[in-house]
PDB file of N, CA and C in Angstrom:
ATOM      1  N   MET A   1     174.670 152.579  88.374  1.00  0.00           N
ATOM      2  CA  MET A   1     173.954 151.350  88.679  1.00  0.00           C
ATOM      3  C   MET A   1     172.715 151.202  87.800  1.00  0.00           C
ATOM      4  N   ALA A   2     171.974 152.289  87.623  1.00  0.00           N
ATOM      5  CA  ALA A   2     170.764 152.223  86.811  1.00  0.00           C
ATOM      6  C   ALA A   2     171.093 151.881  85.364  1.00  0.00           C
ATOM      7  N   CYS A   3     172.226 152.380  84.864  1.00  0.00           N
ATOM      8  CA  CYS A   3     172.633 152.082  83.487  1.00  0.00           C
ATOM      9  C   CYS A   3     172.936 150.600  83.321  1.00  0.00           C
ATOM     10  N   LEU A   4     173.608 150.015  84.296  1.00  0.00           N
ATOM     11  CA  LEU A   4     173.933 148.591  84.241  1.00  0.00           C
ATOM     12  C   LEU A   4     172.665 147.738  84.272  1.00  0.00           C
ATOM     13  N   VAL A   5     171.723 148.108  85.119  1.00  0.00           N
ATOM     14  CA  VAL A   5     170.460 147.371  85.204  1.00  0.00           C
ATOM     15  C   VAL A   5     169.668 147.527  83.914  1.00  0.00           C
ATOM     16  N   THR A   6     169.712 148.709  83.320  1.00  0.00           N
ATOM     17  CA  THR A   6     168.996 148.939  82.064  1.00  0.00           C
ATOM     18  C   THR A   6     169.578 148.100  80.930  1.00  0.00           C
ATOM     19  N   VAL A   7     170.890 147.995  80.856  1.00  0.00           N
ATOM     20  CA  VAL A   7     171.526 147.156  79.833  1.00  0.00           C
ATOM     21  C   VAL A   7     171.176 145.683  80.069  1.00  0.00           C
ATOM     22  N   ALA A   8     171.219 145.254  81.323  1.00  0.00           N
ATOM     23  CA  ALA A   8     170.840 143.876  81.647  1.00  0.00           C
ATOM     24  C   ALA A   8     169.375 143.639  81.312  1.00  0.00           C
ATOM     25  N   SER A   9     168.561 144.664  81.472  1.00  0.00           N
ATOM     26  CA  SER A   9     167.146 144.544  81.144  1.00  0.00           C
ATOM     27  C   SER A   9     166.930 144.333  79.654  1.00  0.00           C
ATOM     28  N   GLY A  10     167.701 145.022  78.821  1.00  0.00           N
ATOM     29  CA  GLY A  10     167.591 144.828  77.371  1.00  0.00           C
ATOM     30  C   GLY A  10     167.964 143.415  76.973  1.00  0.00           C
ATOM     31  N   ALA A  11     169.022 142.892  77.568  1.00  0.00           N
ATOM     32  CA  ALA A  11     169.419 141.506  77.296  1.00  0.00           C
ATOM     33  C   ALA A  11     168.360 140.541  77.809  1.00  0.00           C
ATOM     34  N   SER A  12     167.816 140.834  78.971  1.00  0.00           N
ATOM     35  CA  SER A  12     166.773 139.989  79.543  1.00  0.00           C
ATOM     36  C   SER A  12     165.517 139.994  78.679  1.00  0.00           C
ATOM     37  N   TYR A  13     165.203 141.136  78.096  1.00  0.00           N
ATOM     38  CA  TYR A  13     164.041 141.250  77.213  1.00  0.00           C
ATOM     39  C   TYR A  13     164.213 140.356  75.984  1.00  0.00           C
ATOM     40  N   GLY A  14     165.401 140.364  75.404  1.00  0.00           N
ATOM     41  CA  GLY A  14     165.673 139.491  74.263  1.00  0.00           C
ATOM     42  C   GLY A  14     165.624 138.023  74.637  1.00  0.00           C
ATOM     43  N   LEU A  15     166.197 137.680  75.792  1.00  0.00           N
ATOM     44  CA  LEU A  15     166.160 136.284  76.248  1.00  0.00           C
ATOM     45  C   LEU A  15     164.741 135.842  76.601  1.00  0.00           C
ATOM     46  N   LEU A  16     163.928 136.778  77.080  1.00  0.00           N
ATOM     47  CA  LEU A  16     162.526 136.448  77.377  1.00  0.00           C
ATOM     48  C   LEU A  16     161.801 136.054  76.096  1.00  0.00           C
ATOM     49  N   ALA A  17     162.062 136.777  75.017  1.00  0.00           N
ATOM     50  CA  ALA A  17     161.446 136.432  73.732  1.00  0.00           C
ATOM     51  C   ALA A  17     161.894 135.055  73.269  1.00  0.00           C
ATOM     52  N   VAL A  18     163.180 134.784  73.371  1.00  0.00           N
ATOM     53  CA  VAL A  18     163.701 133.473  72.974  1.00  0.00           C
ATOM     54  C   VAL A  18     163.112 132.385  73.855  1.00  0.00           C
ATOM     55  N   ASN A  19     163.014 132.642  75.154  1.00  0.00           N
ATOM     56  CA  ASN A  19     162.473 131.662  76.091  1.00  0.00           C
ATOM     57  C   ASN A  19     161.012 131.342  75.786  1.00  0.00           C
ATOM     58  N   LEU A  20     160.245 132.339  75.415  1.00  0.00           N
ATOM     59  CA  LEU A  20     158.829 132.105  75.129  1.00  0.00           C
ATOM     60  C   LEU A  20     158.610 131.439  73.779  1.00  0.00           C
ATOM     61  N   LEU A  21     159.438 131.776  72.802  1.00  0.00           N
ATOM     62  CA  LEU A  21     159.266 131.179  71.482  1.00  0.00           C
ATOM     63  C   LEU A  21     159.939 129.816  71.351  1.00  0.00           C
ATOM     64  N   SER A  22     160.973 129.583  72.143  1.00  0.00           N
ATOM     65  CA  SER A  22     161.684 128.314  72.083  1.00  0.00           C
ATOM     66  C   SER A  22     162.055 127.853  73.495  1.00  0.00           C
ATOM     67  N   PRO A  23     161.085 127.380  74.264  1.00  0.00           N
ATOM     68  CA  PRO A  23     161.365 127.012  75.656  1.00  0.00           C
ATOM     69  C   PRO A  23     162.327 125.830  75.795  1.00  0.00           C
ATOM     70  N   ASP A  24     162.421 125.004  74.778  1.00  0.00           N
ATOM     71  CA  ASP A  24     163.332 123.852  74.843  1.00  0.00           C
ATOM     72  C   ASP A  24     164.789 124.287  74.936  1.00  0.00           C
ATOM     73  N   LEU A  25     165.126 125.395  74.304  1.00  0.00           N
ATOM     74  CA  LEU A  25     166.498 125.887  74.337  1.00  0.00           C
ATOM     75  C   LEU A  25     166.919 126.258  75.757  1.00  0.00           C
ATOM     76  N   MET A  26     166.070 126.957  76.469  1.00  0.00           N
ATOM     77  CA  MET A  26     166.403 127.358  77.833  1.00  0.00           C
ATOM     78  C   MET A  26     166.401 126.154  78.777  1.00  0.00           C
ATOM     79  N   GLN A  27     165.584 125.154  78.499  1.00  0.00           N
ATOM     80  CA  GLN A  27     165.591 123.956  79.332  1.00  0.00           C
ATOM     81  C   GLN A  27     166.866 123.163  79.127  1.00  0.00           C
ATOM     82  N   ASN A  28     167.476 123.273  77.956  1.00  0.00           N
ATOM     83  CA  ASN A  28     168.774 122.631  77.732  1.00  0.00           C
ATOM     84  C   ASN A  28     169.868 123.301  78.544  1.00  0.00           C
ATOM     85  N   VAL A  29     169.746 124.618  78.763  1.00  0.00           N
ATOM     86  CA  VAL A  29     170.734 125.350  79.550  1.00  0.00           C
ATOM     87  C   VAL A  29     170.647 124.945  81.011  1.00  0.00           C
ATOM     88  N   SER A  30     169.431 124.905  81.534  1.00  0.00           N
ATOM     89  CA  SER A  30     169.217 124.521  82.932  1.00  0.00           C
ATOM     90  C   SER A  30     167.918 123.737  83.035  1.00  0.00           C
ATOM     91  N   PRO A  31     168.001 122.413  83.019  1.00  0.00           N
ATOM     92  CA  PRO A  31     166.776 121.603  83.004  1.00  0.00           C
ATOM     93  C   PRO A  31     165.951 121.678  84.294  1.00  0.00           C
ATOM     94  N   SER A  32     166.560 122.053  85.391  1.00  0.00           N
ATOM     95  CA  SER A  32     165.820 122.056  86.654  1.00  0.00           C
ATOM     96  C   SER A  32     165.246 123.417  87.013  1.00  0.00           C
ATOM     97  N   ARG A  33     165.480 124.443  86.208  1.00  0.00           N
ATOM     98  CA  ARG A  33     165.046 125.792  86.563  1.00  0.00           C
ATOM     99  C   ARG A  33     164.354 126.458  85.381  1.00  0.00           C
ATOM    100  N   ASP A  34     163.201 127.095  85.646  1.00  0.00           N
ATOM    101  CA  ASP A  34     162.514 127.885  84.643  1.00  0.00           C
ATOM    102  C   ASP A  34     162.896 129.353  84.849  1.00  0.00           C
ATOM    103  N   PHE A  35     163.480 129.972  83.843  1.00  0.00           N
ATOM    104  CA  PHE A  35     163.987 131.334  83.962  1.00  0.00           C
ATOM    105  C   PHE A  35     162.971 132.406  83.580  1.00  0.00           C
ATOM    106  N   THR A  36     161.757 132.033  83.250  1.00  0.00           N
ATOM    107  CA  THR A  36     160.782 133.004  82.771  1.00  0.00           C
ATOM    108  C   THR A  36     160.532 134.096  83.799  1.00  0.00           C
ATOM    109  N   ASP A  37     160.334 133.737  85.056  1.00  0.00           N
ATOM    110  CA  ASP A  37     160.060 134.732  86.095  1.00  0.00           C
ATOM    111  C   ASP A  37     161.252 135.664  86.317  1.00  0.00           C
ATOM    112  N   VAL A  38     162.454 135.115  86.297  1.00  0.00           N
ATOM    113  CA  VAL A  38     163.655 135.935  86.482  1.00  0.00           C
ATOM    114  C   VAL A  38     163.810 136.910  85.319  1.00  0.00           C
ATOM    115  N   LEU A  39     163.624 136.425  84.098  1.00  0.00           N
ATOM    116  CA  LEU A  39     163.742 137.287  82.929  1.00  0.00           C
ATOM    117  C   LEU A  39     162.666 138.365  82.921  1.00  0.00           C
ATOM    118  N   MET A  40     161.456 137.997  83.310  1.00  0.00           N
ATOM    119  CA  MET A  40     160.357 138.967  83.367  1.00  0.00           C
ATOM    120  C   MET A  40     160.630 140.020  84.434  1.00  0.00           C
ATOM    121  N   GLY A  41     161.097 139.604  85.590  1.00  0.00           N
ATOM    122  CA  GLY A  41     161.399 140.545  86.674  1.00  0.00           C
ATOM    123  C   GLY A  41     162.521 141.504  86.311  1.00  0.00           C
ATOM    124  N   THR A  42     163.579 140.988  85.710  1.00  0.00           N
ATOM    125  CA  THR A  42     164.692 141.842  85.298  1.00  0.00           C
ATOM    126  C   THR A  42     164.251 142.840  84.236  1.00  0.00           C
ATOM    127  N   THR A  43     163.420 142.395  83.319  1.00  0.00           N
ATOM    128  CA  THR A  43     162.905 143.286  82.287  1.00  0.00           C
ATOM    129  C   THR A  43     162.049 144.391  82.893  1.00  0.00           C
ATOM    130  N   LEU A  44     161.194 144.041  83.842  1.00  0.00           N
ATOM    131  CA  LEU A  44     160.331 145.036  84.474  1.00  0.00           C
ATOM    132  C   LEU A  44     161.119 146.047  85.301  1.00  0.00           C
ATOM    133  N   VAL A  45     162.091 145.580  86.077  1.00  0.00           N
ATOM    134  CA  VAL A  45     162.897 146.487  86.900  1.00  0.00           C
ATOM    135  C   VAL A  45     163.726 147.418  86.009  1.00  0.00           C
ATOM    136  N   GLY A  46     164.372 146.866  85.007  1.00  0.00           N
ATOM    137  CA  GLY A  46     165.175 147.688  84.111  1.00  0.00           C
ATOM    138  C   GLY A  46     164.340 148.675  83.316  1.00  0.00           C
ATOM    139  N   GLY A  47     163.187 148.231  82.856  1.00  0.00           N
ATOM    140  CA  GLY A  47     162.288 149.136  82.136  1.00  0.00           C
ATOM    141  C   GLY A  47     161.790 150.263  83.017  1.00  0.00           C
ATOM    142  N   THR A  48     161.488 149.941  84.262  1.00  0.00           N
ATOM    143  CA  THR A  48     161.032 150.964  85.203  1.00  0.00           C
ATOM    144  C   THR A  48     162.133 151.994  85.462  1.00  0.00           C
ATOM    145  N   LEU A  49     163.353 151.534  85.683  1.00  0.00           N
ATOM    146  CA  LEU A  49     164.460 152.467  85.911  1.00  0.00           C
ATOM    147  C   LEU A  49     164.751 153.319  84.667  1.00  0.00           C
ATOM    148  N   TYR A  50     164.669 152.704  83.504  1.00  0.00           N
ATOM    149  CA  TYR A  50     164.891 153.449  82.265  1.00  0.00           C
ATOM    150  C   TYR A  50     163.843 154.546  82.105  1.00  0.00           C
ATOM    151  N   LEU A  51     162.586 154.194  82.330  1.00  0.00           N
ATOM    152  CA  LEU A  51     161.518 155.179  82.187  1.00  0.00           C
ATOM    153  C   LEU A  51     161.591 156.267  83.250  1.00  0.00           C
ATOM    154  N   ALA A  52     161.906 155.893  84.480  1.00  0.00           N
ATOM    155  CA  ALA A  52     161.968 156.871  85.563  1.00  0.00           C
ATOM    156  C   ALA A  52     163.088 157.882  85.348  1.00  0.00           C
ATOM    157  N   SER A  53     164.141 157.478  84.644  1.00  0.00           N
ATOM    158  CA  SER A  53     165.251 158.397  84.398  1.00  0.00           C
ATOM    159  C   SER A  53     165.126 159.132  83.068  1.00  0.00           C
ATOM    160  N   SER A  54     164.067 158.864  82.317  1.00  0.00           N
ATOM    161  CA  SER A  54     163.902 159.533  81.028  1.00  0.00           C
ATOM    162  C   SER A  54     163.463 160.983  81.236  1.00  0.00           C
ATOM    163  N   PRO A  55     163.762 161.855  80.274  1.00  0.00           N
ATOM    164  CA  PRO A  55     163.401 163.270  80.420  1.00  0.00           C
ATOM    165  C   PRO A  55     161.898 163.495  80.584  1.00  0.00           C
ATOM    166  N   HIS A  56     161.097 162.600  80.038  1.00  0.00           N
ATOM    167  CA  HIS A  56     159.650 162.763  80.114  1.00  0.00           C
ATOM    168  C   HIS A  56     159.136 162.616  81.548  1.00  0.00           C
ATOM    169  N   PHE A  57     159.773 161.767  82.345  1.00  0.00           N
ATOM    170  CA  PHE A  57     159.300 161.499  83.698  1.00  0.00           C
ATOM    171  C   PHE A  57     160.090 162.211  84.793  1.00  0.00           C
ATOM    172  N   VAL A  58     161.224 162.809  84.449  1.00  0.00           N
ATOM    173  CA  VAL A  58     162.076 163.424  85.476  1.00  0.00           C
ATOM    174  C   VAL A  58     161.357 164.547  86.209  1.00  0.00           C
ATOM    175  N   ALA A  59     160.555 165.329  85.502  1.00  0.00           N
ATOM    176  CA  ALA A  59     159.893 166.479  86.117  1.00  0.00           C
ATOM    177  C   ALA A  59     158.679 166.104  86.966  1.00  0.00           C
ATOM    178  N   LYS A  60     158.242 164.887  86.919  1.00  0.00           N
ATOM    179  CA  LYS A  60     157.069 164.463  87.684  1.00  0.00           C
ATOM    180  C   LYS A  60     157.416 164.297  89.161  1.00  0.00           C
ATOM    181  N   ALA A  61     156.390 164.344  89.993  1.00  0.00           N
ATOM    182  CA  ALA A  61     156.583 164.080  91.421  1.00  0.00           C
ATOM    183  C   ALA A  61     157.049 162.647  91.595  1.00  0.00           C
ATOM    184  N   ARG A  62     157.781 162.383  92.659  1.00  0.00           N
ATOM    185  CA  ARG A  62     158.418 161.076  92.861  1.00  0.00           C
ATOM    186  C   ARG A  62     157.411 159.923  92.797  1.00  0.00           C
ATOM    187  N   VAL A  63     156.281 160.031  93.486  1.00  0.00           N
ATOM    188  CA  VAL A  63     155.300 158.937  93.502  1.00  0.00           C
ATOM    189  C   VAL A  63     154.714 158.733  92.112  1.00  0.00           C
ATOM    190  N   LYS A  64     154.344 159.816  91.449  1.00  0.00           N
ATOM    191  CA  LYS A  64     153.779 159.700  90.102  1.00  0.00           C
ATOM    192  C   LYS A  64     154.808 159.139  89.125  1.00  0.00           C
ATOM    193  N   LYS A  65     156.046 159.590  89.251  1.00  0.00           N
ATOM    194  CA  LYS A  65     157.090 159.149  88.333  1.00  0.00           C
ATOM    195  C   LYS A  65     157.266 157.637  88.397  1.00  0.00           C
ATOM    196  N   TYR A  66     157.353 157.090  89.589  1.00  0.00           N
ATOM    197  CA  TYR A  66     157.554 155.643  89.710  1.00  0.00           C
ATOM    198  C   TYR A  66     156.285 154.861  89.403  1.00  0.00           C
ATOM    199  N   PHE A  67     155.129 155.407  89.749  1.00  0.00           N
ATOM    200  CA  PHE A  67     153.878 154.726  89.408  1.00  0.00           C
ATOM    201  C   PHE A  67     153.732 154.624  87.893  1.00  0.00           C
ATOM    202  N   TYR A  68     153.932 155.738  87.193  1.00  0.00           N
ATOM    203  CA  TYR A  68     153.820 155.730  85.736  1.00  0.00           C
ATOM    204  C   TYR A  68     154.902 154.857  85.101  1.00  0.00           C
ATOM    205  N   SER A  69     156.087 154.870  85.664  1.00  0.00           N
ATOM    206  CA  SER A  69     157.178 154.068  85.116  1.00  0.00           C
ATOM    207  C   SER A  69     156.900 152.578  85.263  1.00  0.00           C
ATOM    208  N   VAL A  70     156.430 152.159  86.432  1.00  0.00           N
ATOM    209  CA  VAL A  70     156.083 150.751  86.643  1.00  0.00           C
ATOM    210  C   VAL A  70     154.940 150.347  85.718  1.00  0.00           C
ATOM    211  N   TYR A  71     153.938 151.200  85.620  1.00  0.00           N
ATOM    212  CA  TYR A  71     152.790 150.896  84.771  1.00  0.00           C
ATOM    213  C   TYR A  71     153.210 150.765  83.301  1.00  0.00           C
ATOM    214  N   ALA A  72     153.986 151.715  82.808  1.00  0.00           N
ATOM    215  CA  ALA A  72     154.412 151.676  81.401  1.00  0.00           C
ATOM    216  C   ALA A  72     155.326 150.480  81.125  1.00  0.00           C
ATOM    217  N   SER A  73     156.218 150.176  82.054  1.00  0.00           N
ATOM    218  CA  SER A  73     157.106 149.030  81.880  1.00  0.00           C
ATOM    219  C   SER A  73     156.323 147.722  81.865  1.00  0.00           C
ATOM    220  N   ALA A  74     155.372 147.586  82.774  1.00  0.00           N
ATOM    221  CA  ALA A  74     154.551 146.372  82.822  1.00  0.00           C
ATOM    222  C   ALA A  74     153.674 146.244  81.582  1.00  0.00           C
ATOM    223  N   THR A  75     153.119 147.355  81.130  1.00  0.00           N
ATOM    224  CA  THR A  75     152.292 147.329  79.924  1.00  0.00           C
ATOM    225  C   THR A  75     153.111 146.921  78.707  1.00  0.00           C
ATOM    226  N   PHE A  76     154.292 147.500  78.555  1.00  0.00           N
ATOM    227  CA  PHE A  76     155.155 147.169  77.423  1.00  0.00           C
ATOM    228  C   PHE A  76     155.583 145.704  77.466  1.00  0.00           C
ATOM    229  N   THR A  77     156.007 145.241  78.641  1.00  0.00           N
ATOM    230  CA  THR A  77     156.493 143.869  78.757  1.00  0.00           C
ATOM    231  C   THR A  77     155.372 142.855  78.551  1.00  0.00           C
ATOM    232  N   CYS A  78     154.241 143.074  79.188  1.00  0.00           N
ATOM    233  CA  CYS A  78     153.128 142.118  79.064  1.00  0.00           C
ATOM    234  C   CYS A  78     152.541 142.112  77.654  1.00  0.00           C
ATOM    235  N   SER A  79     152.476 143.275  77.011  1.00  0.00           N
ATOM    236  CA  SER A  79     151.976 143.283  75.638  1.00  0.00           C
ATOM    237  C   SER A  79     152.962 142.598  74.694  1.00  0.00           C
ATOM    238  N   SER A  80     154.247 142.719  74.970  1.00  0.00           N
ATOM    239  CA  SER A  80     155.241 142.008  74.169  1.00  0.00           C
ATOM    240  C   SER A  80     155.092 140.502  74.336  1.00  0.00           C
ATOM    241  N   VAL A  81     154.884 140.045  75.564  1.00  0.00           N
ATOM    242  CA  VAL A  81     154.698 138.620  75.824  1.00  0.00           C
ATOM    243  C   VAL A  81     153.468 138.108  75.076  1.00  0.00           C
ATOM    244  N   MET A  82     152.371 138.860  75.123  1.00  0.00           N
ATOM    245  CA  MET A  82     151.165 138.436  74.414  1.00  0.00           C
ATOM    246  C   MET A  82     151.409 138.410  72.896  1.00  0.00           C
ATOM    247  N   PHE A  83     152.162 139.365  72.388  1.00  0.00           N
ATOM    248  CA  PHE A  83     152.486 139.387  70.963  1.00  0.00           C
ATOM    249  C   PHE A  83     153.306 138.168  70.576  1.00  0.00           C
ATOM    250  N   TRP A  84     154.328 137.856  71.380  1.00  0.00           N
ATOM    251  CA  TRP A  84     155.185 136.714  71.067  1.00  0.00           C
ATOM    252  C   TRP A  84     154.406 135.400  71.108  1.00  0.00           C
ATOM    253  N   LEU A  85     153.561 135.236  72.110  1.00  0.00           N
ATOM    254  CA  LEU A  85     152.791 133.992  72.217  1.00  0.00           C
ATOM    255  C   LEU A  85     151.777 133.864  71.089  1.00  0.00           C
ATOM    256  N   THR A  86     151.154 134.964  70.696  1.00  0.00           N
ATOM    257  CA  THR A  86     150.228 134.941  69.564  1.00  0.00           C
ATOM    258  C   THR A  86     150.977 134.648  68.270  1.00  0.00           C
ATOM    259  N   ALA A  87     152.133 135.276  68.101  1.00  0.00           N
ATOM    260  CA  ALA A  87     152.937 135.022  66.903  1.00  0.00           C
ATOM    261  C   ALA A  87     153.386 133.568  66.845  1.00  0.00           C
ATOM    262  N   LYS A  88     153.734 133.006  67.998  1.00  0.00           N
ATOM    263  CA  LYS A  88     154.157 131.611  68.025  1.00  0.00           C
ATOM    264  C   LYS A  88     153.018 130.688  67.591  1.00  0.00           C
ATOM    265  N   GLN A  89     151.810 130.949  68.078  1.00  0.00           N
ATOM    266  CA  GLN A  89     150.669 130.117  67.696  1.00  0.00           C
ATOM    267  C   GLN A  89     150.336 130.277  66.215  1.00  0.00           C
ATOM    268  N   PHE A  90     150.558 131.467  65.679  1.00  0.00           N
ATOM    269  CA  PHE A  90     150.287 131.708  64.264  1.00  0.00           C
ATOM    270  C   PHE A  90     151.370 131.097  63.379  1.00  0.00           C
ATOM    271  N   LEU A  91     152.626 131.224  63.807  1.00  0.00           N
ATOM    272  CA  LEU A  91     153.734 130.765  62.976  1.00  0.00           C
ATOM    273  C   LEU A  91     154.041 129.281  63.101  1.00  0.00           C
ATOM    274  N   LEU A  92     153.693 128.684  64.218  1.00  0.00           N
ATOM    275  CA  LEU A  92     154.059 127.289  64.478  1.00  0.00           C
ATOM    276  C   LEU A  92     153.650 126.337  63.357  1.00  0.00           C
ATOM    277  N   PRO A  93     152.414 126.361  62.905  1.00  0.00           N
ATOM    278  CA  PRO A  93     152.062 125.411  61.843  1.00  0.00           C
ATOM    279  C   PRO A  93     152.564 125.819  60.456  1.00  0.00           C
ATOM    280  N   ARG A  94     153.020 127.068  60.282  1.00  0.00           N
ATOM    281  CA  ARG A  94     153.370 127.566  58.963  1.00  0.00           C
ATOM    282  C   ARG A  94     154.868 127.555  58.655  1.00  0.00           C
ATOM    283  N   LEU A  95     155.695 127.566  59.660  1.00  0.00           N
ATOM    284  CA  LEU A  95     157.140 127.595  59.434  1.00  0.00           C
ATOM    285  C   LEU A  95     157.700 126.183  59.336  1.00  0.00           C
ATOM    286  N   PRO A  96     158.683 126.015  58.473  1.00  0.00           N
ATOM    287  CA  PRO A  96     159.320 124.692  58.422  1.00  0.00           C
ATOM    288  C   PRO A  96     160.119 124.454  59.699  1.00  0.00           C
ATOM    289  N   ASN A  97     160.398 123.220  59.984  1.00  0.00           N
ATOM    290  CA  ASN A  97     161.124 122.858  61.197  1.00  0.00           C
ATOM    291  C   ASN A  97     162.620 123.065  60.971  1.00  0.00           C
ATOM    292  N   ILE A  98     163.030 124.319  61.019  1.00  0.00           N
ATOM    293  CA  ILE A  98     164.435 124.680  60.828  1.00  0.00           C
ATOM    294  C   ILE A  98     165.013 125.022  62.194  1.00  0.00           C
ATOM    295  N   THR A  99     166.142 124.434  62.505  1.00  0.00           N
ATOM    296  CA  THR A  99     166.775 124.693  63.796  1.00  0.00           C
ATOM    297  C   THR A  99     167.146 126.165  63.916  1.00  0.00           C
ATOM    298  N   GLY A 100     166.714 126.779  65.001  1.00  0.00           N
ATOM    299  CA  GLY A 100     167.071 128.154  65.295  1.00  0.00           C
ATOM    300  C   GLY A 100     166.149 129.211  64.744  1.00  0.00           C
ATOM    301  N   ILE A 101     165.103 128.813  64.014  1.00  0.00           N
ATOM    302  CA  ILE A 101     164.243 129.833  63.400  1.00  0.00           C
ATOM    303  C   ILE A 101     163.452 130.606  64.462  1.00  0.00           C
ATOM    304  N   TYR A 102     163.018 129.931  65.518  1.00  0.00           N
ATOM    305  CA  TYR A 102     162.272 130.623  66.573  1.00  0.00           C
ATOM    306  C   TYR A 102     163.184 131.529  67.393  1.00  0.00           C
ATOM    307  N   GLU A 103     164.411 131.125  67.591  1.00  0.00           N
ATOM    308  CA  GLU A 103     165.353 131.962  68.329  1.00  0.00           C
ATOM    309  C   GLU A 103     165.655 133.243  67.561  1.00  0.00           C
ATOM    310  N   VAL A 104     165.887 133.112  66.268  1.00  0.00           N
ATOM    311  CA  VAL A 104     166.162 134.282  65.431  1.00  0.00           C
ATOM    312  C   VAL A 104     164.927 135.178  65.359  1.00  0.00           C
ATOM    313  N   ALA A 105     163.762 134.569  65.209  1.00  0.00           N
ATOM    314  CA  ALA A 105     162.521 135.355  65.172  1.00  0.00           C
ATOM    315  C   ALA A 105     162.301 136.083  66.493  1.00  0.00           C
ATOM    316  N   GLY A 106     162.569 135.419  67.608  1.00  0.00           N
ATOM    317  CA  GLY A 106     162.402 136.050  68.914  1.00  0.00           C
ATOM    318  C   GLY A 106     163.348 137.212  69.136  1.00  0.00           C
ATOM    319  N   LEU A 107     164.621 137.013  68.790  1.00  0.00           N
ATOM    320  CA  LEU A 107     165.586 138.105  68.945  1.00  0.00           C
ATOM    321  C   LEU A 107     165.269 139.269  68.006  1.00  0.00           C
ATOM    322  N   GLY A 108     164.936 138.961  66.778  1.00  0.00           N
ATOM    323  CA  GLY A 108     164.604 140.024  65.826  1.00  0.00           C
ATOM    324  C   GLY A 108     163.375 140.807  66.238  1.00  0.00           C
ATOM    325  N   CYS A 109     162.380 140.093  66.693  1.00  0.00           N
ATOM    326  CA  CYS A 109     161.145 140.744  67.137  1.00  0.00           C
ATOM    327  C   CYS A 109     161.381 141.573  68.396  1.00  0.00           C
ATOM    328  N   SER A 110     162.180 141.059  69.320  1.00  0.00           N
ATOM    329  CA  SER A 110     162.439 141.814  70.548  1.00  0.00           C
ATOM    330  C   SER A 110     163.236 143.076  70.245  1.00  0.00           C
ATOM    331  N   ILE A 111     164.180 143.006  69.313  1.00  0.00           N
ATOM    332  CA  ILE A 111     164.942 144.197  68.932  1.00  0.00           C
ATOM    333  C   ILE A 111     164.017 145.228  68.275  1.00  0.00           C
ATOM    334  N   ALA A 112     163.141 144.774  67.391  1.00  0.00           N
ATOM    335  CA  ALA A 112     162.216 145.689  66.717  1.00  0.00           C
ATOM    336  C   ALA A 112     161.263 146.348  67.723  1.00  0.00           C
ATOM    337  N   LEU A 113     160.700 145.564  68.644  1.00  0.00           N
ATOM    338  CA  LEU A 113     159.796 146.137  69.635  1.00  0.00           C
ATOM    339  C   LEU A 113     160.526 147.069  70.598  1.00  0.00           C
ATOM    340  N   PHE A 114     161.742 146.710  70.986  1.00  0.00           N
ATOM    341  CA  PHE A 114     162.533 147.552  71.886  1.00  0.00           C
ATOM    342  C   PHE A 114     162.856 148.894  71.222  1.00  0.00           C
ATOM    343  N   LEU A 115     163.276 148.855  69.957  1.00  0.00           N
ATOM    344  CA  LEU A 115     163.571 150.097  69.239  1.00  0.00           C
ATOM    345  C   LEU A 115     162.317 150.943  69.031  1.00  0.00           C
ATOM    346  N   ALA A 116     161.191 150.295  68.745  1.00  0.00           N
ATOM    347  CA  ALA A 116     159.939 151.035  68.601  1.00  0.00           C
ATOM    348  C   ALA A 116     159.545 151.699  69.918  1.00  0.00           C
ATOM    349  N   GLY A 117     159.719 150.994  71.022  1.00  0.00           N
ATOM    350  CA  GLY A 117     159.380 151.563  72.329  1.00  0.00           C
ATOM    351  C   GLY A 117     160.264 152.729  72.714  1.00  0.00           C
ATOM    352  N   THR A 118     161.571 152.600  72.510  1.00  0.00           N
ATOM    353  CA  THR A 118     162.470 153.696  72.866  1.00  0.00           C
ATOM    354  C   THR A 118     162.281 154.892  71.930  1.00  0.00           C
ATOM    355  N   THR A 119     162.029 154.642  70.649  1.00  0.00           N
ATOM    356  CA  THR A 119     161.758 155.733  69.714  1.00  0.00           C
ATOM    357  C   THR A 119     160.479 156.458  70.089  1.00  0.00           C
ATOM    358  N   PHE A 120     159.458 155.712  70.472  1.00  0.00           N
ATOM    359  CA  PHE A 120     158.203 156.316  70.902  1.00  0.00           C
ATOM    360  C   PHE A 120     158.403 157.152  72.159  1.00  0.00           C
ATOM    361  N   LEU A 121     159.178 156.639  73.097  1.00  0.00           N
ATOM    362  CA  LEU A 121     159.444 157.392  74.324  1.00  0.00           C
ATOM    363  C   LEU A 121     160.183 158.688  74.014  1.00  0.00           C
ATOM    364  N   ASP A 122     161.168 158.633  73.129  1.00  0.00           N
ATOM    365  CA  ASP A 122     161.877 159.844  72.725  1.00  0.00           C
ATOM    366  C   ASP A 122     160.923 160.838  72.051  1.00  0.00           C
ATOM    367  N   PHE A 123     160.014 160.325  71.260  1.00  0.00           N
ATOM    368  CA  PHE A 123     159.061 161.192  70.562  1.00  0.00           C
ATOM    369  C   PHE A 123     158.155 161.918  71.548  1.00  0.00           C
ATOM    370  N   ILE A 124     157.589 161.192  72.509  1.00  0.00           N
ATOM    371  CA  ILE A 124     156.675 161.858  73.451  1.00  0.00           C
ATOM    372  C   ILE A 124     157.419 162.726  74.441  1.00  0.00           C
ATOM    373  N   ALA A 125     158.697 162.440  74.677  1.00  0.00           N
ATOM    374  CA  ALA A 125     159.473 163.257  75.620  1.00  0.00           C
ATOM    375  C   ALA A 125     159.826 164.602  75.008  1.00  0.00           C
ATOM    376  N   PHE A 126     160.073 164.651  73.716  1.00  0.00           N
ATOM    377  CA  PHE A 126     160.539 165.882  73.087  1.00  0.00           C
ATOM    378  C   PHE A 126     159.481 166.565  72.211  1.00  0.00           C
ATOM    379  N   HIS A 127     158.300 165.974  72.103  1.00  0.00           N
ATOM    380  CA  HIS A 127     157.203 166.563  71.341  1.00  0.00           C
ATOM    381  C   HIS A 127     155.928 166.524  72.185  1.00  0.00           C
ATOM    382  N   PRO A 128     155.857 167.380  73.194  1.00  0.00           N
ATOM    383  CA  PRO A 128     154.663 167.338  74.079  1.00  0.00           C
ATOM    384  C   PRO A 128     153.393 167.758  73.391  1.00  0.00           C
TER     385      PRO A 128
END
């Protein structure tokens, strides 16, 4: 179950980037519903489960393990959101109006940040 939620969390993280950089696209999918909260919640839950099951946190006491996992997941997700919104404000006046450029930028950036985060976690887990 945790693996399925973690995979859904990775997809949710990418969709969150697309939603923040190109909100019109998600409104075309469902004009009456804003998915930002759902995507953020799924990302936080999946990130917390991923961190709690990582070798770095397995040896910790149960309360500390989940507290640190929630904190790290929230920090990673919120800092990513701030990065995407800052990048959008910086890139908006400079990029040409090409269809799909924000979606590609959001997915590419989310993949890069996700890989950097997992690589960093592996580094601190195996190099104390």
